[in-house]
């Protein structure tokens, strides 16, 4: 076969003329009855379906709800289950990730936020089993919160503490594998609000 543009010889199956580069009429036709094409199409469709499933799971896992945990609004991911755990008023856990979100409320006997924080730091300094480091004291939704990161050999907990006239509120975000939980931590921090 000869090129319509320059007249040079073109081999069967070539889609471009090797001399002038023009597109030829020799485009390879796909045989729809070819079993290899069917397998390729099925494989591509399965890969797309798998990708959609993975993306949907990731989106669902990172979605959550704001839950009333003993007078505090707290973000909890959809995949977490409520549990009954001694020492906590309310607790949610992700067994898959070994992460727990819990609240503790204590009666306040006329102590201020700053006085409670000093007492907490004094007790934490005396402990040999865990170490606490203050991260911040700031207003979140018009309430003063102090955040500590406390670590042991096997776990890490972020504690958010606020003190009001009648109660002391503590929100705990614990990671038993000390893995990175920054996304949950950020959403939890942004959700903290006392219910009036």
N, C-alpha and C. Protein backbone atom coordinates (compact mmCIF):
# COMPACT_ATOMS: atom_id res chain seq x y z
N UNK A 1 0.84 -1.17 0.00
CA UNK A 1 0.00 0.00 0.00
C UNK A 1 0.89 1.24 0.00
N UNK A 2 0.43 2.28 -0.72
CA UNK A 2 1.21 3.51 -0.84
C UNK A 2 0.52 4.64 -0.08
N UNK A 3 1.35 5.57 0.44
CA UNK A 3 0.85 6.74 1.16
C UNK A 3 0.12 7.66 0.19
N UNK A 4 -1.04 8.13 0.55
CA UNK A 4 -1.83 9.04 -0.28
C UNK A 4 -1.19 10.42 -0.37
N UNK A 5 -0.30 10.75 0.58
CA UNK A 5 0.30 12.08 0.63
C UNK A 5 1.61 12.14 -0.15
N UNK A 6 2.56 11.19 0.17
CA UNK A 6 3.89 11.27 -0.43
C UNK A 6 4.16 10.14 -1.42
N UNK A 7 3.34 9.11 -1.45
CA UNK A 7 3.50 8.03 -2.39
C UNK A 7 4.45 6.93 -1.96
N UNK A 8 5.06 7.04 -0.82
CA UNK A 8 5.99 6.01 -0.32
C UNK A 8 5.23 4.77 0.12
N UNK A 9 5.91 3.66 0.18
CA UNK A 9 5.32 2.37 0.57
C UNK A 9 5.06 2.35 2.09
N UNK A 10 3.87 1.86 2.48
CA UNK A 10 3.47 1.73 3.89
C UNK A 10 3.18 0.26 4.14
N UNK A 11 3.78 -0.29 5.19
CA UNK A 11 3.53 -1.69 5.54
C UNK A 11 2.13 -1.86 6.10
N UNK A 12 1.62 -3.04 5.92
CA UNK A 12 0.28 -3.36 6.42
C UNK A 12 0.27 -3.23 7.96
N UNK A 13 -0.75 -2.55 8.49
CA UNK A 13 -0.89 -2.38 9.93
C UNK A 13 -0.30 -1.08 10.46
N UNK A 14 0.54 -0.38 9.66
CA UNK A 14 1.10 0.89 10.12
C UNK A 14 0.02 1.96 10.10
N UNK A 15 -0.05 2.76 11.16
CA UNK A 15 -1.07 3.80 11.26
C UNK A 15 -0.56 5.16 10.81
N UNK A 16 0.78 5.32 10.69
CA UNK A 16 1.38 6.56 10.22
C UNK A 16 2.37 6.24 9.11
N UNK A 17 2.49 7.14 8.16
CA UNK A 17 3.48 6.97 7.09
C UNK A 17 4.85 7.21 7.68
N UNK A 18 5.84 6.26 7.50
CA UNK A 18 7.17 6.45 8.07
C UNK A 18 7.93 7.59 7.41
N UNK A 19 7.51 8.02 6.24
CA UNK A 19 8.22 9.07 5.52
C UNK A 19 7.70 10.46 5.89
N UNK A 20 6.36 10.67 5.73
CA UNK A 20 5.83 12.03 5.96
C UNK A 20 5.05 12.16 7.26
N UNK A 21 4.67 11.03 7.93
CA UNK A 21 4.00 11.07 9.23
C UNK A 21 2.50 11.23 9.19
N UNK A 22 1.92 11.25 8.02
CA UNK A 22 0.46 11.42 7.93
C UNK A 22 -0.25 10.15 8.40
N UNK A 23 -1.45 10.32 8.97
CA UNK A 23 -2.25 9.19 9.45
C UNK A 23 -2.77 8.44 8.23
N UNK A 24 -2.68 7.10 8.29
CA UNK A 24 -3.15 6.27 7.17
C UNK A 24 -4.52 5.69 7.47
N UNK A 25 -5.05 5.00 6.50
CA UNK A 25 -6.33 4.31 6.66
C UNK A 25 -6.12 2.91 7.21
N UNK A 26 -4.90 2.57 7.63
CA UNK A 26 -4.57 1.23 8.10
C UNK A 26 -4.80 1.05 9.60
N UNK A 27 -5.68 1.83 10.20
CA UNK A 27 -5.91 1.71 11.65
C UNK A 27 -6.33 0.30 11.98
N UNK A 28 -5.77 -0.22 13.09
CA UNK A 28 -6.06 -1.59 13.50
C UNK A 28 -7.49 -1.66 14.00
N UNK A 29 -8.24 -2.57 13.46
CA UNK A 29 -9.62 -2.73 13.87
C UNK A 29 -9.67 -3.73 15.02
N UNK A 30 -10.44 -3.36 16.09
CA UNK A 30 -10.58 -4.23 17.25
C UNK A 30 -11.70 -5.21 16.96
N UNK A 31 -11.38 -6.46 17.11
CA UNK A 31 -12.37 -7.51 16.92
C UNK A 31 -13.09 -7.71 18.24
N UNK A 32 -14.37 -7.34 18.29
CA UNK A 32 -15.13 -7.44 19.52
C UNK A 32 -15.36 -8.87 19.97
N UNK A 33 -15.19 -9.80 19.08
CA UNK A 33 -15.36 -11.21 19.44
C UNK A 33 -14.08 -11.82 20.00
N UNK A 34 -13.01 -11.05 20.02
CA UNK A 34 -11.72 -11.53 20.53
C UNK A 34 -11.84 -11.72 22.05
N UNK A 35 -11.61 -12.94 22.56
CA UNK A 35 -11.76 -13.17 24.00
C UNK A 35 -10.80 -12.34 24.85
N UNK A 36 -9.62 -12.00 24.33
CA UNK A 36 -8.66 -11.20 25.09
C UNK A 36 -9.21 -9.80 25.37
N UNK A 37 -9.89 -9.22 24.41
CA UNK A 37 -10.48 -7.90 24.60
C UNK A 37 -11.54 -7.96 25.69
N UNK A 38 -12.34 -9.00 25.70
CA UNK A 38 -13.38 -9.16 26.73
C UNK A 38 -12.75 -9.22 28.12
N UNK A 39 -11.66 -9.98 28.26
CA UNK A 39 -10.99 -10.08 29.57
C UNK A 39 -10.40 -8.75 30.00
N UNK A 40 -9.87 -8.02 29.05
CA UNK A 40 -9.29 -6.71 29.36
C UNK A 40 -10.39 -5.77 29.85
N UNK A 41 -11.51 -5.75 29.14
CA UNK A 41 -12.62 -4.87 29.53
C UNK A 41 -13.16 -5.26 30.90
N UNK A 42 -13.34 -6.55 31.14
CA UNK A 42 -13.83 -7.02 32.44
C UNK A 42 -12.85 -6.66 33.55
N UNK A 43 -11.56 -6.82 33.31
CA UNK A 43 -10.53 -6.50 34.31
C UNK A 43 -10.54 -5.00 34.63
N UNK A 44 -10.64 -4.17 33.61
CA UNK A 44 -10.67 -2.72 33.82
C UNK A 44 -11.90 -2.33 34.62
N UNK A 45 -13.07 -2.89 34.28
CA UNK A 45 -14.29 -2.58 35.01
C UNK A 45 -14.21 -3.04 36.47
N UNK A 46 -13.62 -4.20 36.72
CA UNK A 46 -13.45 -4.69 38.09
C UNK A 46 -12.51 -3.79 38.88
N UNK A 47 -11.44 -3.33 38.23
CA UNK A 47 -10.49 -2.43 38.90
C UNK A 47 -11.17 -1.11 39.27
N UNK A 48 -12.00 -0.58 38.36
CA UNK A 48 -12.73 0.66 38.64
C UNK A 48 -13.70 0.45 39.80
N UNK A 49 -14.42 -0.67 39.80
CA UNK A 49 -15.36 -0.97 40.89
C UNK A 49 -14.63 -1.11 42.22
N UNK A 50 -13.48 -1.77 42.23
CA UNK A 50 -12.68 -1.90 43.46
C UNK A 50 -12.21 -0.54 43.95
N UNK A 51 -11.76 0.31 43.04
CA UNK A 51 -11.31 1.65 43.41
C UNK A 51 -12.45 2.47 44.02
N UNK A 52 -13.64 2.39 43.43
CA UNK A 52 -14.80 3.10 43.97
C UNK A 52 -15.14 2.59 45.36
N UNK A 53 -15.06 1.27 45.57
CA UNK A 53 -15.35 0.68 46.88
C UNK A 53 -14.35 1.18 47.93
N UNK A 54 -13.06 1.20 47.59
CA UNK A 54 -12.02 1.65 48.52
C UNK A 54 -12.23 3.13 48.87
N UNK A 55 -12.49 3.95 47.88
CA UNK A 55 -12.69 5.38 48.12
C UNK A 55 -13.93 5.60 48.99
N UNK A 56 -15.01 4.86 48.72
CA UNK A 56 -16.22 4.98 49.53
C UNK A 56 -15.96 4.59 50.98
N UNK A 57 -15.18 3.52 51.20
CA UNK A 57 -14.86 3.08 52.55
C UNK A 57 -14.06 4.15 53.29
N UNK A 58 -13.07 4.73 52.61
CA UNK A 58 -12.24 5.76 53.23
C UNK A 58 -13.09 6.97 53.60
N UNK A 59 -13.96 7.38 52.69
CA UNK A 59 -14.83 8.53 52.96
C UNK A 59 -15.75 8.23 54.14
N UNK A 60 -16.37 7.04 54.14
CA UNK A 60 -17.28 6.67 55.23
C UNK A 60 -16.54 6.61 56.56
N UNK A 61 -15.33 6.04 56.54
CA UNK A 61 -14.56 5.88 57.77
C UNK A 61 -14.20 7.23 58.38
N UNK A 62 -13.95 8.22 57.52
CA UNK A 62 -13.57 9.53 58.02
C UNK A 62 -14.76 10.42 58.33
N UNK A 63 -15.96 9.96 58.06
CA UNK A 63 -17.16 10.70 58.40
C UNK A 63 -17.52 10.40 59.85
N UNK A 64 -18.20 11.30 60.45
CA UNK A 64 -18.57 11.08 61.84
C UNK A 64 -19.76 11.91 62.22
N UNK A 65 -20.02 11.91 63.50
CA UNK A 65 -21.14 12.65 64.03
C UNK A 65 -20.73 13.35 65.32
N UNK A 66 -21.47 14.38 65.67
CA UNK A 66 -21.23 15.06 66.94
C UNK A 66 -22.15 14.41 67.96
N UNK A 67 -21.56 13.89 69.03
CA UNK A 67 -22.29 13.13 70.03
C UNK A 67 -22.27 13.90 71.36
N UNK A 68 -23.38 13.88 72.08
CA UNK A 68 -23.45 14.45 73.42
C UNK A 68 -22.85 13.43 74.39
N UNK A 69 -21.67 13.73 74.89
CA UNK A 69 -21.00 12.85 75.83
C UNK A 69 -20.95 13.54 77.18
N UNK A 70 -21.98 13.33 77.97
CA UNK A 70 -22.08 13.89 79.32
C UNK A 70 -21.95 15.40 79.36
N UNK A 71 -22.69 16.07 78.47
CA UNK A 71 -22.71 17.52 78.48
C UNK A 71 -21.67 18.17 77.60
N UNK A 72 -20.93 17.37 76.83
CA UNK A 72 -19.92 17.91 75.91
C UNK A 72 -20.24 17.39 74.52
N UNK A 73 -20.23 18.30 73.54
CA UNK A 73 -20.36 17.86 72.15
C UNK A 73 -18.98 17.41 71.69
N UNK A 74 -18.92 16.15 71.19
CA UNK A 74 -17.64 15.56 70.78
C UNK A 74 -17.81 14.85 69.44
N UNK A 75 -16.83 15.04 68.54
CA UNK A 75 -16.83 14.34 67.26
C UNK A 75 -16.45 12.88 67.47
N UNK A 76 -17.25 11.97 66.88
CA UNK A 76 -16.97 10.53 66.94
C UNK A 76 -17.13 9.97 65.53
N UNK A 77 -16.10 9.29 64.98
CA UNK A 77 -16.22 8.69 63.64
C UNK A 77 -17.33 7.64 63.60
N UNK A 78 -17.94 7.47 62.42
CA UNK A 78 -19.05 6.53 62.24
C UNK A 78 -18.67 5.09 62.56
N UNK A 79 -17.41 4.74 62.40
CA UNK A 79 -16.99 3.35 62.59
C UNK A 79 -16.77 2.99 64.06
N UNK A 80 -16.88 3.95 64.97
CA UNK A 80 -16.65 3.68 66.39
C UNK A 80 -17.93 3.15 67.05
N UNK A 81 -17.75 2.25 68.00
CA UNK A 81 -18.88 1.67 68.73
C UNK A 81 -18.85 2.15 70.18
N UNK A 82 -20.06 2.38 70.72
CA UNK A 82 -20.13 2.77 72.13
C UNK A 82 -19.78 1.57 73.00
N UNK A 83 -19.05 1.82 74.08
CA UNK A 83 -18.68 0.76 75.00
C UNK A 83 -18.91 1.21 76.44
N UNK A 84 -19.01 0.25 77.32
CA UNK A 84 -19.09 0.55 78.75
C UNK A 84 -17.72 0.24 79.33
N UNK A 85 -17.09 1.25 79.90
CA UNK A 85 -15.72 1.10 80.40
C UNK A 85 -15.62 1.77 81.75
N UNK A 86 -15.12 1.03 82.74
CA UNK A 86 -14.94 1.59 84.08
C UNK A 86 -14.03 2.81 84.02
N UNK A 87 -14.38 3.83 84.79
CA UNK A 87 -13.57 5.03 84.87
C UNK A 87 -14.02 6.12 83.91
N UNK A 88 -14.87 5.77 82.94
CA UNK A 88 -15.36 6.75 81.97
C UNK A 88 -16.87 6.91 82.12
N UNK A 89 -17.36 8.14 81.89
CA UNK A 89 -18.80 8.34 81.86
C UNK A 89 -19.39 7.79 80.56
N UNK A 90 -18.69 8.08 79.46
CA UNK A 90 -19.13 7.62 78.16
C UNK A 90 -17.90 7.36 77.32
N UNK A 91 -17.96 6.30 76.49
CA UNK A 91 -16.78 5.90 75.73
C UNK A 91 -17.16 5.28 74.40
N UNK A 92 -16.40 5.62 73.36
CA UNK A 92 -16.54 5.02 72.04
C UNK A 92 -15.18 4.46 71.65
N UNK A 93 -15.19 3.29 70.97
CA UNK A 93 -13.92 2.65 70.62
C UNK A 93 -13.96 2.15 69.18
N UNK A 94 -12.80 2.20 68.56
CA UNK A 94 -12.59 1.57 67.26
C UNK A 94 -11.64 0.41 67.50
N UNK A 95 -12.18 -0.80 67.50
CA UNK A 95 -11.34 -1.98 67.75
C UNK A 95 -10.35 -2.18 66.62
N UNK A 96 -10.75 -1.78 65.43
CA UNK A 96 -9.89 -1.93 64.26
C UNK A 96 -8.63 -1.07 64.40
N UNK A 97 -8.78 0.15 64.91
CA UNK A 97 -7.65 1.07 65.03
C UNK A 97 -7.08 1.15 66.43
N UNK A 98 -7.72 0.51 67.40
CA UNK A 98 -7.32 0.61 68.80
C UNK A 98 -7.28 2.06 69.27
N UNK A 99 -8.36 2.79 68.98
CA UNK A 99 -8.48 4.19 69.40
C UNK A 99 -9.77 4.33 70.21
N UNK A 100 -9.69 5.09 71.30
CA UNK A 100 -10.86 5.31 72.17
C UNK A 100 -11.07 6.81 72.36
N UNK A 101 -12.34 7.22 72.32
CA UNK A 101 -12.73 8.58 72.67
C UNK A 101 -13.64 8.45 73.88
N UNK A 102 -13.29 9.14 74.97
CA UNK A 102 -14.06 8.98 76.21
C UNK A 102 -14.17 10.31 76.94
N UNK A 103 -15.17 10.37 77.83
CA UNK A 103 -15.33 11.55 78.68
C UNK A 103 -15.38 11.15 80.14
N UNK A 104 -14.85 12.07 80.96
CA UNK A 104 -14.89 11.91 82.41
C UNK A 104 -15.39 13.25 82.95
N UNK A 105 -16.38 13.20 83.84
CA UNK A 105 -16.81 14.42 84.50
C UNK A 105 -16.69 14.22 86.00
N UNK A 106 -16.21 15.25 86.66
CA UNK A 106 -16.05 15.22 88.11
C UNK A 106 -16.77 16.42 88.71
N UNK A 107 -17.22 16.29 89.92
CA UNK A 107 -17.84 17.42 90.62
C UNK A 107 -16.76 18.43 90.96
N UNK A 108 -17.07 19.68 90.72
CA UNK A 108 -16.13 20.76 91.03
C UNK A 108 -16.48 21.33 92.40
N UNK A 109 -15.48 21.34 93.28
CA UNK A 109 -15.66 21.89 94.62
C UNK A 109 -15.01 23.27 94.69
N UNK A 110 -15.58 24.21 93.91
CA UNK A 110 -15.14 25.62 93.90
C UNK A 110 -13.66 25.79 93.56
N UNK A 111 -13.21 25.14 92.51
CA UNK A 111 -11.84 25.29 92.05
C UNK A 111 -11.87 25.92 90.66
N UNK A 112 -10.92 26.78 90.36
CA UNK A 112 -10.88 27.44 89.05
C UNK A 112 -10.15 26.54 88.05
N UNK A 113 -10.26 26.93 86.80
CA UNK A 113 -9.57 26.19 85.73
C UNK A 113 -8.06 26.15 85.99
N UNK A 114 -7.50 27.30 86.28
CA UNK A 114 -6.05 27.37 86.49
C UNK A 114 -5.61 26.57 87.71
N UNK A 115 -6.38 26.59 88.77
CA UNK A 115 -6.05 25.81 89.98
C UNK A 115 -6.09 24.31 89.68
N UNK A 116 -7.09 23.88 88.91
CA UNK A 116 -7.18 22.45 88.57
C UNK A 116 -5.99 22.04 87.70
N UNK A 117 -5.61 22.88 86.76
CA UNK A 117 -4.48 22.57 85.87
C UNK A 117 -3.19 22.44 86.69
N UNK A 118 -2.97 23.33 87.64
CA UNK A 118 -1.78 23.23 88.50
C UNK A 118 -1.79 21.92 89.29
N UNK A 119 -2.95 21.55 89.82
CA UNK A 119 -3.07 20.30 90.57
C UNK A 119 -2.81 19.10 89.65
N UNK A 120 -3.36 19.13 88.44
CA UNK A 120 -3.16 18.05 87.47
C UNK A 120 -1.68 17.91 87.13
N UNK A 121 -1.01 19.02 86.87
CA UNK A 121 0.41 18.98 86.52
C UNK A 121 1.25 18.46 87.68
N UNK A 122 0.90 18.82 88.90
CA UNK A 122 1.62 18.35 90.08
C UNK A 122 1.52 16.83 90.20
N UNK A 123 0.32 16.30 90.01
CA UNK A 123 0.11 14.84 90.09
C UNK A 123 0.84 14.14 88.95
N UNK A 124 0.77 14.73 87.74
CA UNK A 124 1.42 14.11 86.57
C UNK A 124 2.94 14.06 86.73
N UNK A 125 3.53 15.08 87.35
CA UNK A 125 4.99 15.09 87.55
C UNK A 125 5.44 13.99 88.49
N UNK A 126 4.59 13.61 89.43
CA UNK A 126 4.95 12.58 90.41
C UNK A 126 4.83 11.16 89.85
N UNK A 127 4.17 11.01 88.70
CA UNK A 127 3.93 9.68 88.15
C UNK A 127 5.18 9.14 87.46
N UNK A 128 5.46 7.88 87.69
CA UNK A 128 6.57 7.23 87.00
C UNK A 128 6.08 6.38 85.82
N UNK A 129 4.76 6.18 85.72
CA UNK A 129 4.23 5.31 84.67
C UNK A 129 3.82 6.07 83.41
N UNK A 130 3.63 7.38 83.50
CA UNK A 130 3.27 8.16 82.31
C UNK A 130 3.88 9.55 82.39
N UNK A 131 3.98 10.19 81.22
CA UNK A 131 4.54 11.52 81.13
C UNK A 131 3.54 12.40 80.38
N UNK A 132 3.21 13.58 80.94
CA UNK A 132 2.27 14.49 80.30
C UNK A 132 2.97 15.78 79.90
N UNK A 133 2.61 16.26 78.71
CA UNK A 133 3.18 17.50 78.21
C UNK A 133 2.04 18.42 77.77
N UNK A 134 2.06 19.65 78.28
CA UNK A 134 1.01 20.61 77.95
C UNK A 134 1.16 21.06 76.50
N UNK A 135 0.05 21.03 75.74
CA UNK A 135 0.07 21.44 74.34
C UNK A 135 -0.44 22.86 74.15
N UNK A 136 -1.54 23.18 74.81
CA UNK A 136 -2.09 24.54 74.71
C UNK A 136 -3.15 24.78 75.77
N UNK A 137 -3.43 26.06 75.99
CA UNK A 137 -4.63 26.51 76.69
C UNK A 137 -5.23 27.56 75.78
N UNK A 138 -6.46 27.30 75.30
CA UNK A 138 -7.09 28.26 74.40
C UNK A 138 -8.61 28.12 74.46
N UNK A 139 -9.27 29.14 73.93
CA UNK A 139 -10.73 29.12 73.87
C UNK A 139 -11.17 28.36 72.63
N UNK A 140 -12.04 27.38 72.84
CA UNK A 140 -12.69 26.67 71.75
C UNK A 140 -14.18 26.88 71.96
N UNK A 141 -14.81 27.54 71.03
CA UNK A 141 -16.25 27.85 71.11
C UNK A 141 -16.61 28.49 72.45
N UNK A 142 -15.84 29.51 72.81
CA UNK A 142 -16.07 30.35 73.99
C UNK A 142 -15.86 29.61 75.32
N UNK A 143 -15.14 28.51 75.30
CA UNK A 143 -14.81 27.79 76.53
C UNK A 143 -13.30 27.58 76.58
N UNK A 144 -12.72 27.83 77.75
CA UNK A 144 -11.28 27.66 77.94
C UNK A 144 -10.95 26.18 78.10
N UNK A 145 -10.12 25.64 77.20
CA UNK A 145 -9.68 24.23 77.25
C UNK A 145 -8.17 24.18 77.35
N UNK A 146 -7.66 23.22 78.11
CA UNK A 146 -6.23 22.94 78.16
C UNK A 146 -6.01 21.53 77.65
N UNK A 147 -5.05 21.40 76.74
CA UNK A 147 -4.76 20.10 76.13
C UNK A 147 -3.41 19.59 76.61
N UNK A 148 -3.39 18.30 76.98
CA UNK A 148 -2.16 17.60 77.35
C UNK A 148 -2.01 16.37 76.46
N UNK A 149 -0.77 16.03 76.14
CA UNK A 149 -0.48 14.75 75.51
C UNK A 149 0.26 13.92 76.55
N UNK A 150 -0.35 12.80 76.93
CA UNK A 150 0.22 11.92 77.95
C UNK A 150 0.62 10.60 77.28
N UNK A 151 1.81 10.12 77.59
CA UNK A 151 2.29 8.88 76.97
C UNK A 151 2.77 7.89 78.02
N UNK A 152 2.56 6.62 77.69
CA UNK A 152 3.14 5.51 78.45
C UNK A 152 3.99 4.73 77.45
N UNK A 153 4.52 3.60 77.88
CA UNK A 153 5.32 2.78 76.97
C UNK A 153 4.49 2.23 75.81
N UNK A 154 3.18 2.00 76.04
CA UNK A 154 2.35 1.36 75.04
C UNK A 154 1.26 2.23 74.44
N UNK A 155 1.00 3.39 75.01
CA UNK A 155 -0.15 4.17 74.55
C UNK A 155 0.11 5.67 74.63
N UNK A 156 -0.79 6.39 73.95
CA UNK A 156 -0.75 7.85 73.95
C UNK A 156 -2.18 8.35 74.14
N UNK A 157 -2.34 9.40 74.93
CA UNK A 157 -3.68 9.99 75.12
C UNK A 157 -3.58 11.50 75.05
N UNK A 158 -4.51 12.08 74.32
CA UNK A 158 -4.67 13.53 74.32
C UNK A 158 -5.82 13.84 75.26
N UNK A 159 -5.55 14.66 76.27
CA UNK A 159 -6.58 15.03 77.25
C UNK A 159 -6.94 16.49 77.06
N UNK A 160 -8.23 16.74 76.98
CA UNK A 160 -8.76 18.09 76.87
C UNK A 160 -9.54 18.36 78.16
N UNK A 161 -9.14 19.41 78.88
CA UNK A 161 -9.70 19.68 80.21
C UNK A 161 -10.31 21.08 80.23
N UNK A 162 -11.52 21.17 80.80
CA UNK A 162 -12.12 22.47 81.07
C UNK A 162 -12.82 22.39 82.42
N UNK A 163 -12.87 23.52 83.11
CA UNK A 163 -13.47 23.56 84.45
C UNK A 163 -14.56 24.63 84.45
N UNK A 164 -15.74 24.22 84.88
CA UNK A 164 -16.86 25.14 85.04
C UNK A 164 -17.27 25.13 86.52
N UNK A 165 -18.18 25.98 86.88
CA UNK A 165 -18.58 26.13 88.29
C UNK A 165 -18.97 24.81 88.93
N UNK A 166 -19.78 24.02 88.22
CA UNK A 166 -20.32 22.81 88.83
C UNK A 166 -19.55 21.54 88.49
N UNK A 167 -18.80 21.54 87.36
CA UNK A 167 -18.14 20.30 86.94
C UNK A 167 -16.78 20.55 86.32
N UNK A 168 -15.97 19.47 86.36
CA UNK A 168 -14.70 19.41 85.65
C UNK A 168 -14.92 18.42 84.52
N UNK A 169 -14.63 18.85 83.28
CA UNK A 169 -14.85 18.01 82.11
C UNK A 169 -13.51 17.60 81.51
N UNK A 170 -13.36 16.31 81.25
CA UNK A 170 -12.15 15.80 80.60
C UNK A 170 -12.58 14.94 79.41
N UNK A 171 -12.02 15.25 78.25
CA UNK A 171 -12.23 14.44 77.05
C UNK A 171 -10.89 13.78 76.74
N UNK A 172 -10.94 12.47 76.53
CA UNK A 172 -9.71 11.71 76.29
C UNK A 172 -9.76 11.07 74.91
N UNK A 173 -8.71 11.26 74.14
CA UNK A 173 -8.54 10.59 72.84
C UNK A 173 -7.31 9.71 72.99
N UNK A 174 -7.54 8.39 73.10
CA UNK A 174 -6.46 7.45 73.38
C UNK A 174 -6.14 6.60 72.16
N UNK A 175 -4.86 6.43 71.92
CA UNK A 175 -4.41 5.55 70.85
C UNK A 175 -3.53 4.48 71.47
N UNK A 176 -4.01 3.24 71.46
CA UNK A 176 -3.28 2.17 72.13
C UNK A 176 -2.05 1.73 71.35
N UNK A 177 -2.02 2.00 70.07
CA UNK A 177 -0.87 1.64 69.26
C UNK A 177 0.03 2.84 69.00
N UNK A 178 -0.25 3.95 69.66
CA UNK A 178 0.46 5.22 69.49
C UNK A 178 0.63 5.58 68.01
N UNK A 179 -0.40 5.31 67.23
CA UNK A 179 -0.33 5.62 65.81
C UNK A 179 -0.80 7.05 65.57
N UNK A 180 -0.60 7.50 64.36
CA UNK A 180 -0.97 8.86 64.00
C UNK A 180 -2.49 8.99 63.89
N UNK A 181 -3.07 9.82 64.73
CA UNK A 181 -4.53 10.02 64.72
C UNK A 181 -4.83 11.51 64.54
N UNK A 182 -4.03 12.18 63.75
CA UNK A 182 -4.14 13.64 63.60
C UNK A 182 -5.49 14.08 63.06
N UNK A 183 -6.07 13.36 62.08
CA UNK A 183 -7.34 13.77 61.50
C UNK A 183 -8.45 13.72 62.54
N UNK A 184 -8.54 12.63 63.28
CA UNK A 184 -9.55 12.51 64.33
C UNK A 184 -9.31 13.57 65.41
N UNK A 185 -8.05 13.75 65.77
CA UNK A 185 -7.69 14.74 66.80
C UNK A 185 -8.16 16.14 66.40
N UNK A 186 -7.93 16.52 65.15
CA UNK A 186 -8.31 17.85 64.67
C UNK A 186 -9.83 18.01 64.68
N UNK A 187 -10.55 17.00 64.18
CA UNK A 187 -12.01 17.08 64.16
C UNK A 187 -12.58 17.10 65.58
N UNK A 188 -11.99 16.32 66.47
CA UNK A 188 -12.46 16.30 67.86
C UNK A 188 -12.24 17.68 68.49
N UNK A 189 -11.05 18.25 68.30
CA UNK A 189 -10.75 19.57 68.86
C UNK A 189 -11.74 20.62 68.38
N UNK A 190 -12.04 20.59 67.09
CA UNK A 190 -12.95 21.58 66.53
C UNK A 190 -14.41 21.39 66.98
N UNK A 191 -14.73 20.20 67.46
CA UNK A 191 -16.12 19.92 67.86
C UNK A 191 -16.40 20.23 69.32
N UNK A 192 -15.37 20.35 70.15
CA UNK A 192 -15.57 20.50 71.60
C UNK A 192 -16.46 21.70 71.93
N UNK A 193 -17.55 21.39 72.61
CA UNK A 193 -18.47 22.45 73.02
C UNK A 193 -19.30 21.95 74.19
N UNK A 194 -19.38 22.77 75.23
CA UNK A 194 -20.23 22.40 76.37
C UNK A 194 -21.68 22.68 76.01
N UNK A 195 -22.54 21.75 76.38
CA UNK A 195 -23.97 21.90 76.14
C UNK A 195 -24.58 22.61 77.34
N UNK A 196 -25.25 23.69 77.08
CA UNK A 196 -25.79 24.51 78.18
C UNK A 196 -27.21 24.10 78.51
